[in-house]
C-alpha cells in the first residue's frame, strides 16, 4: 500500500496536503475510492463566497449549524457602504461606518444586510496582500450588531483583521445574533445606488458551519 508521507489523514479516509505556496489540496484515499460509487461530493463550508453559521462563531453555538438558521436571515433588504479608503490590515471603526452612511444618505434598518465595499478584491486578489484584508474592529462589529442587522458582508477572507480583531468579531456575531458573508465581489457596482434586495441563500448542509452562496443584489426598476 502506498502511503505518501506528505499527506495528513482523517479517520474517515480523507487527506490534506499543504503545498509550498500555502494552498491546501484535499482528497480521499484509494480505499475510500474503491468503496464509494461513481459520484463523490466533497463539501467545503468555509471557502469562496460563503456565509458563516452561528456554529462557526464560537463553541457555545455549535448546535446552531447552517441548516438550523432561518432563511429570512439570507433574504433581506440591503445597503452597501463605501469604505474603499481602507487598505490591507486596517481596522474599520464604528465612526467610519457612520461617516459612510452619512455620505451615502442611507440608514440601517433592523434586519438589513450591510455590505462593506473596500475594493480589496480588485486591488489584491492573486497577490500576497489578499490574505490580509481590512476588517471590522470589535467596537464596529458591536455597533453593527446593536443595529439589529441580519448580516454584514465583506470582500476579504475574514470579517475582522486576522490576528487582530477577527476572532472577536466572530464571537460578537454569535453573541448578538447576526452573521457575515466573506469573499464577496463586484461590490463597486452597488455604490451610490441606494437600497436593494439582498439574496444570499445557503445550502441546507446538515451540521454545516457555513455554506457557499451565490450572493445577488436586486434593484427595483
N, C-alpha and C. Protein backbone atom coordinates (compact mmCIF):
# COMPACT_ATOMS: atom_id res chain seq x y z
N UNK A 1 0.84 -1.19 0.00
CA UNK A 1 0.00 0.00 0.00
C UNK A 1 0.88 1.24 0.00
N UNK A 2 0.55 2.20 -0.86
CA UNK A 2 1.32 3.43 -0.96
C UNK A 2 0.76 4.47 0.00
N UNK A 3 1.57 4.92 0.97
CA UNK A 3 1.13 5.94 1.93
C UNK A 3 2.11 7.11 1.85
N UNK A 4 1.81 8.11 1.04
CA UNK A 4 2.73 9.27 0.92
C UNK A 4 2.94 9.95 2.27
N UNK A 5 4.17 10.35 2.55
CA UNK A 5 4.47 10.94 3.86
C UNK A 5 4.19 12.45 3.90
N UNK A 6 3.73 13.04 2.78
CA UNK A 6 3.41 14.47 2.80
C UNK A 6 1.92 14.72 2.98
N UNK A 7 1.16 13.67 3.27
CA UNK A 7 -0.28 13.81 3.48
C UNK A 7 -0.64 13.64 4.94
N UNK A 8 -1.72 14.28 5.36
CA UNK A 8 -2.27 14.11 6.70
C UNK A 8 -3.67 13.54 6.55
N UNK A 9 -3.97 12.52 7.35
CA UNK A 9 -5.19 11.75 7.15
C UNK A 9 -6.20 11.94 8.28
N UNK A 10 -7.49 11.77 7.95
CA UNK A 10 -8.55 11.71 8.95
C UNK A 10 -9.00 10.26 9.10
N UNK A 11 -9.77 10.00 10.15
CA UNK A 11 -10.28 8.65 10.38
C UNK A 11 -11.31 8.25 9.33
N UNK A 12 -11.80 9.22 8.56
CA UNK A 12 -12.80 8.94 7.53
C UNK A 12 -12.17 8.77 6.15
N UNK A 13 -10.85 8.53 6.11
CA UNK A 13 -10.14 8.24 4.86
C UNK A 13 -10.06 9.45 3.93
N UNK A 14 -10.01 10.63 4.52
CA UNK A 14 -9.75 11.84 3.77
C UNK A 14 -8.31 12.27 4.03
N UNK A 15 -7.74 13.05 3.12
CA UNK A 15 -6.39 13.54 3.34
C UNK A 15 -6.27 15.01 2.92
N UNK A 16 -5.26 15.68 3.45
CA UNK A 16 -4.96 17.05 3.07
C UNK A 16 -3.45 17.18 2.91
N UNK A 17 -3.04 17.95 1.90
CA UNK A 17 -1.62 18.24 1.68
C UNK A 17 -1.45 19.74 1.57
N UNK A 18 -0.54 20.29 2.38
CA UNK A 18 -0.26 21.72 2.34
C UNK A 18 0.93 21.94 1.41
N UNK A 19 0.68 22.62 0.28
CA UNK A 19 1.71 22.85 -0.72
C UNK A 19 2.59 24.04 -0.33
N UNK A 20 3.70 24.19 -1.02
CA UNK A 20 4.67 25.22 -0.67
C UNK A 20 4.11 26.62 -0.82
N UNK A 21 3.13 26.80 -1.72
CA UNK A 21 2.55 28.14 -1.93
C UNK A 21 1.43 28.45 -0.96
N UNK A 22 1.22 27.55 0.04
CA UNK A 22 0.20 27.78 1.05
C UNK A 22 -1.17 27.26 0.67
N UNK A 23 -1.31 26.69 -0.52
CA UNK A 23 -2.58 26.12 -0.96
C UNK A 23 -2.74 24.72 -0.37
N UNK A 24 -3.91 24.44 0.18
CA UNK A 24 -4.20 23.12 0.73
C UNK A 24 -4.99 22.31 -0.30
N UNK A 25 -4.50 21.12 -0.60
CA UNK A 25 -5.18 20.20 -1.51
C UNK A 25 -5.78 19.08 -0.69
N UNK A 26 -7.07 18.76 -0.94
CA UNK A 26 -7.73 17.71 -0.19
C UNK A 26 -8.14 16.58 -1.12
N UNK A 27 -8.31 15.39 -0.56
CA UNK A 27 -8.71 14.24 -1.36
C UNK A 27 -9.12 13.08 -0.48
N UNK A 28 -9.36 11.95 -1.09
CA UNK A 28 -9.72 10.74 -0.35
C UNK A 28 -8.76 9.62 -0.72
N UNK A 29 -8.63 8.66 0.16
CA UNK A 29 -7.67 7.58 -0.02
C UNK A 29 -8.12 6.61 -1.10
N UNK A 30 -7.18 5.77 -1.55
CA UNK A 30 -7.50 4.73 -2.53
C UNK A 30 -8.59 3.81 -1.99
N UNK A 31 -8.51 3.50 -0.69
CA UNK A 31 -9.52 2.62 -0.09
C UNK A 31 -10.91 3.26 -0.19
N UNK A 32 -11.00 4.55 0.14
CA UNK A 32 -12.30 5.22 0.07
C UNK A 32 -12.83 5.24 -1.35
N UNK A 33 -11.93 5.46 -2.30
CA UNK A 33 -12.37 5.47 -3.70
C UNK A 33 -12.92 4.11 -4.13
N UNK A 34 -12.29 3.05 -3.66
CA UNK A 34 -12.74 1.72 -4.05
C UNK A 34 -14.08 1.35 -3.40
N UNK A 35 -14.37 1.94 -2.23
CA UNK A 35 -15.60 1.62 -1.51
C UNK A 35 -16.78 2.49 -1.94
N UNK A 36 -16.49 3.66 -2.50
CA UNK A 36 -17.56 4.57 -2.89
C UNK A 36 -18.05 4.27 -4.31
N UNK A 37 -19.20 4.84 -4.65
CA UNK A 37 -19.71 4.71 -6.01
C UNK A 37 -19.01 5.65 -6.96
N UNK A 38 -19.66 5.94 -8.07
CA UNK A 38 -19.04 6.75 -9.11
C UNK A 38 -19.05 8.24 -8.81
N UNK A 39 -19.99 8.70 -7.95
CA UNK A 39 -20.13 10.13 -7.67
C UNK A 39 -19.66 10.42 -6.26
N UNK A 40 -18.73 11.32 -6.13
CA UNK A 40 -18.21 11.72 -4.83
C UNK A 40 -18.37 13.24 -4.69
N UNK A 41 -18.97 13.67 -3.58
CA UNK A 41 -19.15 15.09 -3.31
C UNK A 41 -18.30 15.46 -2.11
N UNK A 42 -17.38 16.39 -2.28
CA UNK A 42 -16.54 16.88 -1.18
C UNK A 42 -17.06 18.26 -0.79
N UNK A 43 -17.47 18.42 0.46
CA UNK A 43 -18.06 19.64 0.93
C UNK A 43 -17.02 20.54 1.56
N UNK A 44 -16.95 21.79 1.12
CA UNK A 44 -16.09 22.79 1.73
C UNK A 44 -16.99 23.94 2.17
N UNK A 45 -17.27 24.02 3.49
CA UNK A 45 -18.23 25.00 4.00
C UNK A 45 -17.69 26.42 3.94
N UNK A 46 -16.40 26.57 4.24
CA UNK A 46 -15.84 27.89 4.56
C UNK A 46 -14.81 28.30 3.52
N UNK A 47 -15.22 28.33 2.24
CA UNK A 47 -14.31 28.72 1.18
C UNK A 47 -15.08 29.42 0.07
N UNK A 48 -14.39 30.27 -0.69
CA UNK A 48 -15.08 31.03 -1.72
C UNK A 48 -16.09 31.98 -1.11
N UNK A 49 -17.00 32.49 -1.92
CA UNK A 49 -18.06 33.34 -1.39
C UNK A 49 -18.98 32.48 -0.53
N UNK A 50 -19.07 32.81 0.74
CA UNK A 50 -19.82 31.95 1.66
C UNK A 50 -20.36 32.76 2.83
N UNK A 51 -21.27 32.13 3.56
CA UNK A 51 -21.82 32.70 4.78
C UNK A 51 -21.50 31.77 5.94
N UNK A 52 -21.21 32.34 7.09
CA UNK A 52 -20.89 31.55 8.27
C UNK A 52 -22.14 31.25 9.09
N UNK A 53 -22.22 30.04 9.60
CA UNK A 53 -23.28 29.68 10.55
C UNK A 53 -22.89 30.16 11.95
N UNK A 54 -23.87 30.22 12.83
CA UNK A 54 -23.57 30.59 14.21
C UNK A 54 -22.62 29.57 14.84
N UNK A 55 -22.70 28.32 14.40
CA UNK A 55 -21.82 27.28 14.96
C UNK A 55 -20.36 27.55 14.65
N UNK A 56 -20.09 28.42 13.68
CA UNK A 56 -18.71 28.78 13.35
C UNK A 56 -18.17 29.87 14.27
N UNK A 57 -19.06 30.57 14.96
CA UNK A 57 -18.65 31.76 15.72
C UNK A 57 -17.91 31.43 17.01
N UNK A 58 -18.38 30.42 17.71
CA UNK A 58 -17.77 30.01 18.97
C UNK A 58 -18.35 28.66 19.38
N UNK A 59 -17.64 27.97 20.26
CA UNK A 59 -18.02 26.62 20.65
C UNK A 59 -19.42 26.55 21.24
N UNK A 60 -19.83 27.58 21.98
CA UNK A 60 -21.14 27.51 22.65
C UNK A 60 -22.31 27.56 21.68
N UNK A 61 -22.04 27.86 20.40
CA UNK A 61 -23.12 27.91 19.40
C UNK A 61 -23.07 26.69 18.46
N UNK A 62 -22.39 25.63 18.88
CA UNK A 62 -22.16 24.51 17.97
C UNK A 62 -23.43 23.81 17.51
N UNK A 63 -24.53 23.98 18.22
CA UNK A 63 -25.79 23.36 17.79
C UNK A 63 -26.54 24.21 16.76
N UNK A 64 -26.06 25.43 16.49
CA UNK A 64 -26.75 26.33 15.56
C UNK A 64 -26.05 26.31 14.20
N UNK A 65 -26.13 25.16 13.54
CA UNK A 65 -25.48 24.97 12.25
C UNK A 65 -26.29 25.67 11.14
N UNK A 66 -25.74 25.70 9.95
CA UNK A 66 -26.34 26.47 8.87
C UNK A 66 -27.74 25.98 8.52
N UNK A 67 -28.00 24.68 8.68
CA UNK A 67 -29.31 24.12 8.33
C UNK A 67 -30.39 24.47 9.35
N UNK A 68 -29.99 25.04 10.49
CA UNK A 68 -30.97 25.42 11.51
C UNK A 68 -31.32 26.90 11.46
N UNK A 69 -30.60 27.68 10.66
CA UNK A 69 -30.79 29.12 10.64
C UNK A 69 -31.94 29.50 9.70
N UNK A 70 -32.80 30.45 10.09
CA UNK A 70 -33.97 30.78 9.27
C UNK A 70 -33.57 31.43 7.94
N UNK A 71 -34.28 31.06 6.87
CA UNK A 71 -33.96 31.62 5.56
C UNK A 71 -34.19 33.12 5.51
N UNK A 72 -35.01 33.64 6.41
CA UNK A 72 -35.25 35.09 6.43
C UNK A 72 -33.97 35.88 6.69
N UNK A 73 -32.95 35.26 7.28
CA UNK A 73 -31.68 35.94 7.51
C UNK A 73 -30.91 36.17 6.21
N UNK A 74 -31.25 35.40 5.19
CA UNK A 74 -30.47 35.41 3.95
C UNK A 74 -31.23 36.03 2.78
N UNK A 75 -32.42 36.55 3.06
CA UNK A 75 -33.25 37.21 2.05
C UNK A 75 -33.76 38.49 2.71
N UNK A 76 -33.03 39.58 2.50
CA UNK A 76 -33.24 40.79 3.29
C UNK A 76 -33.17 42.03 2.40
N UNK A 77 -33.45 43.17 3.00
CA UNK A 77 -33.08 44.44 2.40
C UNK A 77 -31.58 44.65 2.63
N UNK A 78 -30.96 45.42 1.74
CA UNK A 78 -29.52 45.61 1.88
C UNK A 78 -29.06 46.99 1.49
N UNK A 79 -27.87 47.35 1.99
CA UNK A 79 -27.19 48.58 1.59
C UNK A 79 -25.70 48.25 1.45
N UNK A 80 -24.99 49.09 0.71
CA UNK A 80 -23.55 48.90 0.54
C UNK A 80 -22.85 50.22 0.87
N UNK A 81 -21.86 50.16 1.75
CA UNK A 81 -21.15 51.35 2.20
C UNK A 81 -19.76 51.42 1.58
N UNK A 82 -19.36 52.60 1.19
CA UNK A 82 -18.07 52.82 0.54
C UNK A 82 -16.99 53.04 1.60
N UNK A 83 -16.15 52.03 1.75
CA UNK A 83 -15.01 52.11 2.67
C UNK A 83 -13.72 51.82 1.90
N UNK A 84 -13.70 52.26 0.64
CA UNK A 84 -12.59 51.92 -0.24
C UNK A 84 -11.30 52.66 0.10
N UNK A 85 -11.36 53.55 1.09
CA UNK A 85 -10.13 54.21 1.53
C UNK A 85 -9.32 53.31 2.47
N UNK A 86 -9.89 52.19 2.89
CA UNK A 86 -9.19 51.31 3.82
C UNK A 86 -8.28 50.35 3.05
N UNK A 87 -7.08 50.16 3.59
CA UNK A 87 -6.10 49.28 2.95
C UNK A 87 -5.92 47.98 3.70
N UNK A 88 -5.08 47.08 3.18
CA UNK A 88 -4.85 45.79 3.81
C UNK A 88 -4.43 45.93 5.27
N UNK A 89 -5.07 45.13 6.12
CA UNK A 89 -4.72 45.09 7.53
C UNK A 89 -5.26 46.23 8.36
N UNK A 90 -6.02 47.14 7.76
CA UNK A 90 -6.52 48.29 8.51
C UNK A 90 -7.88 47.98 9.13
N UNK A 91 -8.09 48.48 10.33
CA UNK A 91 -9.35 48.30 11.02
C UNK A 91 -10.38 49.32 10.54
N UNK A 92 -11.61 48.85 10.39
CA UNK A 92 -12.75 49.72 10.10
C UNK A 92 -13.44 50.01 11.42
N UNK A 93 -13.51 51.28 11.80
CA UNK A 93 -14.08 51.66 13.08
C UNK A 93 -15.54 52.10 12.92
N UNK A 94 -16.25 52.12 14.03
CA UNK A 94 -17.66 52.48 14.00
C UNK A 94 -17.88 53.88 13.42
N UNK A 95 -17.01 54.81 13.76
CA UNK A 95 -17.15 56.19 13.26
C UNK A 95 -17.08 56.21 11.73
N UNK A 96 -16.28 55.33 11.15
CA UNK A 96 -16.17 55.29 9.69
C UNK A 96 -17.44 54.72 9.06
N UNK A 97 -18.12 53.83 9.76
CA UNK A 97 -19.42 53.33 9.28
C UNK A 97 -20.45 54.47 9.29
N UNK A 98 -20.46 55.25 10.36
CA UNK A 98 -21.39 56.39 10.44
C UNK A 98 -21.11 57.36 9.29
N UNK A 99 -19.83 57.65 9.06
CA UNK A 99 -19.47 58.59 8.02
C UNK A 99 -19.89 58.08 6.64
N UNK A 100 -19.71 56.79 6.40
CA UNK A 100 -20.10 56.20 5.11
C UNK A 100 -21.61 56.25 4.93
N UNK A 101 -22.35 56.00 6.01
CA UNK A 101 -23.81 56.10 5.95
C UNK A 101 -24.23 57.53 5.61
N UNK A 102 -23.62 58.50 6.28
CA UNK A 102 -23.97 59.90 6.07
C UNK A 102 -23.64 60.33 4.64
N UNK A 103 -22.48 59.89 4.14
CA UNK A 103 -22.06 60.27 2.78
C UNK A 103 -23.01 59.69 1.73
N UNK A 104 -23.55 58.51 2.01
CA UNK A 104 -24.45 57.86 1.06
C UNK A 104 -25.90 58.26 1.24
N UNK A 105 -26.20 58.98 2.33
CA UNK A 105 -27.58 59.33 2.62
C UNK A 105 -28.43 58.13 2.95
N UNK A 106 -27.83 57.17 3.64
CA UNK A 106 -28.51 55.92 3.96
C UNK A 106 -28.63 55.75 5.47
N UNK A 107 -29.53 54.86 5.87
CA UNK A 107 -29.67 54.47 7.27
C UNK A 107 -29.83 52.97 7.34
N UNK A 108 -29.38 52.39 8.43
CA UNK A 108 -29.52 50.95 8.64
C UNK A 108 -30.86 50.68 9.31
N UNK A 109 -31.60 49.73 8.75
CA UNK A 109 -32.87 49.31 9.34
C UNK A 109 -32.70 47.92 9.95
N UNK A 110 -33.46 47.61 11.00
CA UNK A 110 -33.39 46.25 11.57
C UNK A 110 -33.64 45.20 10.48
N UNK A 111 -32.84 44.15 10.50
CA UNK A 111 -32.99 43.09 9.52
C UNK A 111 -32.21 43.27 8.24
N UNK A 112 -31.50 44.40 8.10
CA UNK A 112 -30.72 44.66 6.89
C UNK A 112 -29.49 43.74 6.80
N UNK A 113 -29.00 43.61 5.58
CA UNK A 113 -27.65 43.11 5.34
C UNK A 113 -26.81 44.30 4.89
N UNK A 114 -25.70 44.53 5.57
CA UNK A 114 -24.84 45.70 5.29
C UNK A 114 -23.56 45.20 4.63
N UNK A 115 -23.36 45.58 3.38
CA UNK A 115 -22.17 45.19 2.64
C UNK A 115 -21.12 46.30 2.72
N UNK A 116 -19.87 45.89 2.89
CA UNK A 116 -18.77 46.84 3.09
C UNK A 116 -17.81 46.76 1.91
N UNK A 117 -17.88 47.78 1.06
CA UNK A 117 -17.04 47.84 -0.14
C UNK A 117 -15.68 48.45 0.22
N UNK A 118 -14.63 47.67 0.06
CA UNK A 118 -13.27 48.16 0.30
C UNK A 118 -12.40 48.10 -0.96
N UNK A 119 -12.93 47.49 -2.02
CA UNK A 119 -12.19 47.26 -3.27
C UNK A 119 -10.99 46.34 -3.05
N UNK A 120 -11.02 45.58 -1.96
CA UNK A 120 -9.90 44.70 -1.65
C UNK A 120 -9.74 43.62 -2.71
N UNK A 121 -10.85 43.11 -3.24
CA UNK A 121 -10.74 42.03 -4.22
C UNK A 121 -10.01 42.51 -5.48
N UNK A 122 -10.44 43.61 -6.06
CA UNK A 122 -9.83 44.06 -7.31
C UNK A 122 -8.39 44.52 -7.12
N UNK A 123 -8.09 45.02 -5.93
CA UNK A 123 -6.74 45.52 -5.69
C UNK A 123 -5.72 44.42 -5.40
N UNK A 124 -6.17 43.35 -4.73
CA UNK A 124 -5.17 42.44 -4.16
C UNK A 124 -5.35 40.97 -4.51
N UNK A 125 -6.46 40.57 -5.12
CA UNK A 125 -6.65 39.14 -5.37
C UNK A 125 -5.50 38.60 -6.24
N UNK A 126 -4.94 37.49 -5.82
CA UNK A 126 -3.81 36.90 -6.53
C UNK A 126 -2.46 37.41 -6.08
N UNK A 127 -2.45 38.30 -5.07
CA UNK A 127 -1.20 38.81 -4.51
C UNK A 127 -1.10 38.41 -3.04
N UNK A 128 0.08 38.52 -2.44
CA UNK A 128 0.21 38.17 -1.01
C UNK A 128 -0.69 38.99 -0.10
N UNK A 129 -1.06 40.21 -0.51
CA UNK A 129 -1.89 41.07 0.33
C UNK A 129 -3.33 40.59 0.43
N UNK A 130 -3.73 39.67 -0.45
CA UNK A 130 -5.12 39.20 -0.45
C UNK A 130 -5.52 38.61 0.90
N UNK A 131 -4.63 37.90 1.54
CA UNK A 131 -4.96 37.22 2.80
C UNK A 131 -5.06 38.17 3.99
N UNK A 132 -4.69 39.43 3.80
CA UNK A 132 -4.65 40.37 4.92
C UNK A 132 -5.53 41.58 4.62
N UNK A 133 -6.83 41.36 4.56
CA UNK A 133 -7.73 42.42 4.19
C UNK A 133 -8.04 43.37 5.33
N UNK A 134 -8.64 44.52 5.00
CA UNK A 134 -9.19 45.36 6.05
C UNK A 134 -10.37 44.65 6.68
N UNK A 135 -10.69 45.00 7.92
CA UNK A 135 -11.80 44.33 8.59
C UNK A 135 -12.32 45.15 9.75
N UNK A 136 -13.48 44.74 10.25
CA UNK A 136 -14.11 45.46 11.36
C UNK A 136 -13.30 45.35 12.64
N UNK A 137 -13.31 46.42 13.40
CA UNK A 137 -12.84 46.35 14.78
C UNK A 137 -13.93 45.71 15.62
N UNK A 138 -13.59 45.29 16.82
CA UNK A 138 -14.60 44.73 17.73
C UNK A 138 -15.69 45.75 18.03
N UNK A 139 -15.30 47.00 18.21
CA UNK A 139 -16.28 48.05 18.52
C UNK A 139 -17.23 48.27 17.34
N UNK A 140 -16.71 48.24 16.11
CA UNK A 140 -17.55 48.42 14.93
C UNK A 140 -18.51 47.25 14.76
N UNK A 141 -18.03 46.03 15.00
CA UNK A 141 -18.90 44.87 14.91
C UNK A 141 -20.01 44.94 15.96
N UNK A 142 -19.67 45.37 17.16
CA UNK A 142 -20.67 45.52 18.22
C UNK A 142 -21.71 46.56 17.83
N UNK A 143 -21.25 47.68 17.26
CA UNK A 143 -22.20 48.72 16.84
C UNK A 143 -23.15 48.20 15.77
N UNK A 144 -22.62 47.46 14.79
CA UNK A 144 -23.49 46.89 13.76
C UNK A 144 -24.50 45.93 14.36
N UNK A 145 -24.05 45.08 15.28
CA UNK A 145 -24.96 44.15 15.92
C UNK A 145 -26.08 44.84 16.67
N UNK A 146 -25.78 45.97 17.29
CA UNK A 146 -26.79 46.71 18.05
C UNK A 146 -27.81 47.39 17.13
N UNK A 147 -27.51 47.45 15.82
CA UNK A 147 -28.49 47.96 14.86
C UNK A 147 -29.48 46.86 14.45
N UNK A 148 -29.30 45.68 15.01
CA UNK A 148 -30.19 44.52 14.78
C UNK A 148 -30.19 44.09 13.31
N UNK A 149 -29.01 44.12 12.70
CA UNK A 149 -28.90 43.67 11.32
C UNK A 149 -28.98 42.14 11.26
N UNK A 150 -29.30 41.62 10.08
CA UNK A 150 -29.26 40.17 9.87
C UNK A 150 -27.83 39.71 9.62
N UNK A 151 -27.08 40.54 8.88
CA UNK A 151 -25.73 40.14 8.49
C UNK A 151 -24.98 41.34 7.92
N UNK A 152 -23.67 41.19 7.80
CA UNK A 152 -22.88 42.12 7.02
C UNK A 152 -22.00 41.28 6.09
N UNK A 153 -21.46 41.92 5.08
CA UNK A 153 -20.65 41.18 4.11
C UNK A 153 -19.41 41.94 3.74
N UNK A 154 -18.32 41.20 3.48
CA UNK A 154 -17.03 41.81 3.16
C UNK A 154 -16.40 41.12 1.95
N UNK A 155 -15.44 41.79 1.35
CA UNK A 155 -14.69 41.22 0.24
C UNK A 155 -13.55 40.30 0.70
N UNK A 156 -12.84 40.63 1.78
CA UNK A 156 -11.73 39.77 2.19
C UNK A 156 -12.18 38.40 2.71
N UNK A 157 -11.18 37.59 3.06
CA UNK A 157 -11.44 36.22 3.52
C UNK A 157 -11.82 36.17 5.00
N UNK A 158 -11.85 37.30 5.67
CA UNK A 158 -12.20 37.35 7.08
C UNK A 158 -12.96 38.63 7.36
N UNK A 159 -13.92 38.60 8.31
CA UNK A 159 -14.70 39.80 8.62
C UNK A 159 -13.97 40.83 9.46
N UNK A 160 -13.01 40.36 10.25
CA UNK A 160 -12.14 41.25 11.01
C UNK A 160 -10.73 41.16 10.46
N UNK A 161 -9.82 41.89 11.06
CA UNK A 161 -8.42 41.80 10.66
C UNK A 161 -7.81 40.58 11.34
N UNK A 162 -7.23 39.72 10.54
CA UNK A 162 -6.65 38.49 11.08
C UNK A 162 -5.59 38.80 12.13
N UNK A 163 -5.63 38.03 13.22
CA UNK A 163 -4.69 38.14 14.34
C UNK A 163 -4.82 39.46 15.10
N UNK A 164 -5.87 40.24 14.77
CA UNK A 164 -6.12 41.49 15.49
C UNK A 164 -7.53 41.49 16.06
N UNK A 165 -8.53 41.47 15.19
CA UNK A 165 -9.92 41.56 15.65
C UNK A 165 -10.80 40.43 15.16
N UNK A 166 -10.29 39.57 14.32
CA UNK A 166 -11.14 38.60 13.62
C UNK A 166 -11.86 37.64 14.58
N UNK A 167 -11.14 37.11 15.54
CA UNK A 167 -11.77 36.19 16.49
C UNK A 167 -12.86 36.91 17.30
N UNK A 168 -12.56 38.13 17.73
CA UNK A 168 -13.55 38.90 18.49
C UNK A 168 -14.80 39.18 17.66
N UNK A 169 -14.61 39.51 16.38
CA UNK A 169 -15.76 39.80 15.52
C UNK A 169 -16.64 38.56 15.40
N UNK A 170 -16.05 37.39 15.25
CA UNK A 170 -16.83 36.16 15.21
C UNK A 170 -17.63 35.98 16.50
N UNK A 171 -16.99 36.16 17.63
CA UNK A 171 -17.67 35.99 18.91
C UNK A 171 -18.81 36.98 19.07
N UNK A 172 -18.60 38.21 18.62
CA UNK A 172 -19.65 39.24 18.72
C UNK A 172 -20.84 38.86 17.85
N UNK A 173 -20.58 38.34 16.66
CA UNK A 173 -21.67 37.90 15.79
C UNK A 173 -22.52 36.83 16.49
N UNK A 174 -21.86 35.88 17.12
CA UNK A 174 -22.60 34.84 17.82
C UNK A 174 -23.40 35.39 18.99
N UNK A 175 -22.78 36.27 19.76
CA UNK A 175 -23.43 36.80 20.96
C UNK A 175 -24.62 37.70 20.63
N UNK A 176 -24.53 38.46 19.54
CA UNK A 176 -25.59 39.42 19.19
C UNK A 176 -26.54 38.88 18.11
N UNK A 177 -26.28 37.68 17.61
CA UNK A 177 -27.24 37.03 16.73
C UNK A 177 -27.28 37.54 15.30
N UNK A 178 -26.13 37.88 14.73
CA UNK A 178 -26.07 38.22 13.31
C UNK A 178 -24.87 37.51 12.69
N UNK A 179 -24.87 37.37 11.39
CA UNK A 179 -23.80 36.61 10.74
C UNK A 179 -23.08 37.47 9.72
N UNK A 180 -22.22 36.85 8.92
CA UNK A 180 -21.46 37.62 7.92
C UNK A 180 -21.14 36.75 6.71
N UNK A 181 -21.00 37.44 5.58
CA UNK A 181 -20.57 36.85 4.32
C UNK A 181 -19.12 37.26 4.07
N UNK A 182 -18.36 36.36 3.47
CA UNK A 182 -16.96 36.64 3.15
C UNK A 182 -16.71 36.38 1.66
N UNK A 183 -15.67 37.01 1.13
CA UNK A 183 -15.23 36.82 -0.26
C UNK A 183 -16.30 37.25 -1.27
N UNK A 184 -16.97 38.36 -0.99
CA UNK A 184 -17.90 38.94 -1.95
C UNK A 184 -17.14 39.70 -3.04
N UNK A 185 -17.71 39.78 -4.22
CA UNK A 185 -17.08 40.51 -5.33
C UNK A 185 -18.11 41.44 -5.97
N UNK A 186 -17.60 42.34 -6.79
CA UNK A 186 -18.43 43.27 -7.56
C UNK A 186 -19.21 44.27 -6.69
N UNK A 187 -18.73 44.51 -5.48
CA UNK A 187 -19.44 45.47 -4.63
C UNK A 187 -19.35 46.90 -5.16
N UNK A 188 -18.35 47.18 -5.99
CA UNK A 188 -18.24 48.53 -6.55
C UNK A 188 -19.46 48.88 -7.41
N UNK A 189 -20.15 47.87 -7.90
CA UNK A 189 -21.32 48.11 -8.74
C UNK A 189 -22.54 48.56 -7.93
N UNK A 190 -22.46 48.47 -6.61
CA UNK A 190 -23.59 48.82 -5.75
C UNK A 190 -23.49 50.22 -5.16
N UNK A 191 -22.32 50.81 -5.23
CA UNK A 191 -22.10 52.10 -4.59
C UNK A 191 -22.91 53.19 -5.29
N UNK A 192 -23.58 54.01 -4.47
CA UNK A 192 -24.34 55.14 -4.99
C UNK A 192 -25.70 54.78 -5.55
N UNK A 193 -26.15 53.55 -5.35
CA UNK A 193 -27.42 53.12 -5.96
C UNK A 193 -28.52 52.90 -4.92
N UNK A 194 -28.25 53.20 -3.67
CA UNK A 194 -29.29 53.11 -2.65
C UNK A 194 -29.57 51.70 -2.18
N UNK A 195 -30.78 51.51 -1.70
CA UNK A 195 -31.17 50.23 -1.11
C UNK A 195 -31.50 49.21 -2.20
N UNK A 196 -31.38 47.93 -1.83
CA UNK A 196 -31.66 46.84 -2.75
C UNK A 196 -32.13 45.62 -1.97
N UNK A 197 -32.63 44.65 -2.69
CA UNK A 197 -32.95 43.35 -2.10
C UNK A 197 -31.69 42.49 -2.15
N UNK A 198 -31.28 41.97 -1.01
CA UNK A 198 -30.10 41.11 -0.95
C UNK A 198 -30.54 39.66 -0.80
N UNK A 199 -29.98 38.79 -1.63
CA UNK A 199 -30.27 37.36 -1.57
C UNK A 199 -28.94 36.61 -1.48
N UNK A 200 -28.78 35.85 -0.40
CA UNK A 200 -27.56 35.04 -0.23
C UNK A 200 -27.92 33.71 0.40
N UNK A 201 -28.77 32.94 -0.28
CA UNK A 201 -29.30 31.71 0.30
C UNK A 201 -28.22 30.63 0.42
N UNK A 202 -28.11 30.02 1.60
CA UNK A 202 -27.12 28.95 1.79
C UNK A 202 -27.70 27.59 1.38
N UNK A 203 -26.81 26.65 1.15
CA UNK A 203 -27.23 25.26 1.02
C UNK A 203 -27.66 24.74 2.39
N UNK A 204 -28.57 23.79 2.39
CA UNK A 204 -29.02 23.20 3.66
C UNK A 204 -28.10 22.04 4.01
N UNK A 205 -26.92 22.40 4.51
CA UNK A 205 -25.90 21.41 4.84
C UNK A 205 -26.06 20.98 6.29
N UNK A 206 -26.39 19.74 6.49
CA UNK A 206 -26.61 19.26 7.85
C UNK A 206 -25.34 19.39 8.68
N UNK A 207 -25.47 20.08 9.81
CA UNK A 207 -24.36 20.33 10.74
C UNK A 207 -23.27 21.22 10.13
N UNK A 208 -23.58 21.90 9.04
CA UNK A 208 -22.59 22.74 8.38
C UNK A 208 -22.24 23.98 9.18
N UNK A 209 -20.97 24.32 9.20
CA UNK A 209 -20.52 25.55 9.87
C UNK A 209 -20.63 26.77 8.96
N UNK A 210 -21.10 26.55 7.76
CA UNK A 210 -21.29 27.63 6.80
C UNK A 210 -21.74 27.03 5.49
N UNK A 211 -21.84 27.87 4.46
CA UNK A 211 -22.25 27.37 3.16
C UNK A 211 -21.79 28.30 2.05
N UNK A 212 -21.42 27.74 0.90
CA UNK A 212 -21.24 28.59 -0.27
C UNK A 212 -22.55 29.28 -0.63
N UNK A 213 -22.47 30.48 -1.18
CA UNK A 213 -23.67 31.19 -1.63
C UNK A 213 -23.39 31.85 -2.96
N UNK A 214 -24.44 32.11 -3.70
CA UNK A 214 -24.39 33.00 -4.88
C UNK A 214 -25.10 34.27 -4.46
N UNK A 215 -24.35 35.26 -4.05
CA UNK A 215 -24.91 36.49 -3.50
C UNK A 215 -25.38 37.40 -4.62
N UNK A 216 -26.60 37.94 -4.47
CA UNK A 216 -27.21 38.75 -5.51
C UNK A 216 -27.85 39.99 -4.89
N UNK A 217 -27.66 41.14 -5.54
CA UNK A 217 -28.36 42.37 -5.17
C UNK A 217 -29.36 42.70 -6.27
N UNK A 218 -30.61 42.90 -5.89
CA UNK A 218 -31.69 43.16 -6.86
C UNK A 218 -32.24 44.56 -6.62
N UNK A 219 -32.20 45.39 -7.66
CA UNK A 219 -32.72 46.76 -7.58
C UNK A 219 -34.07 46.82 -8.29
N UNK A 220 -35.00 47.55 -7.70
CA UNK A 220 -36.28 47.76 -8.35
C UNK A 220 -36.12 48.74 -9.51
N UNK A 221 -36.78 48.45 -10.61
CA UNK A 221 -36.69 49.32 -11.78
C UNK A 221 -37.78 50.39 -11.72
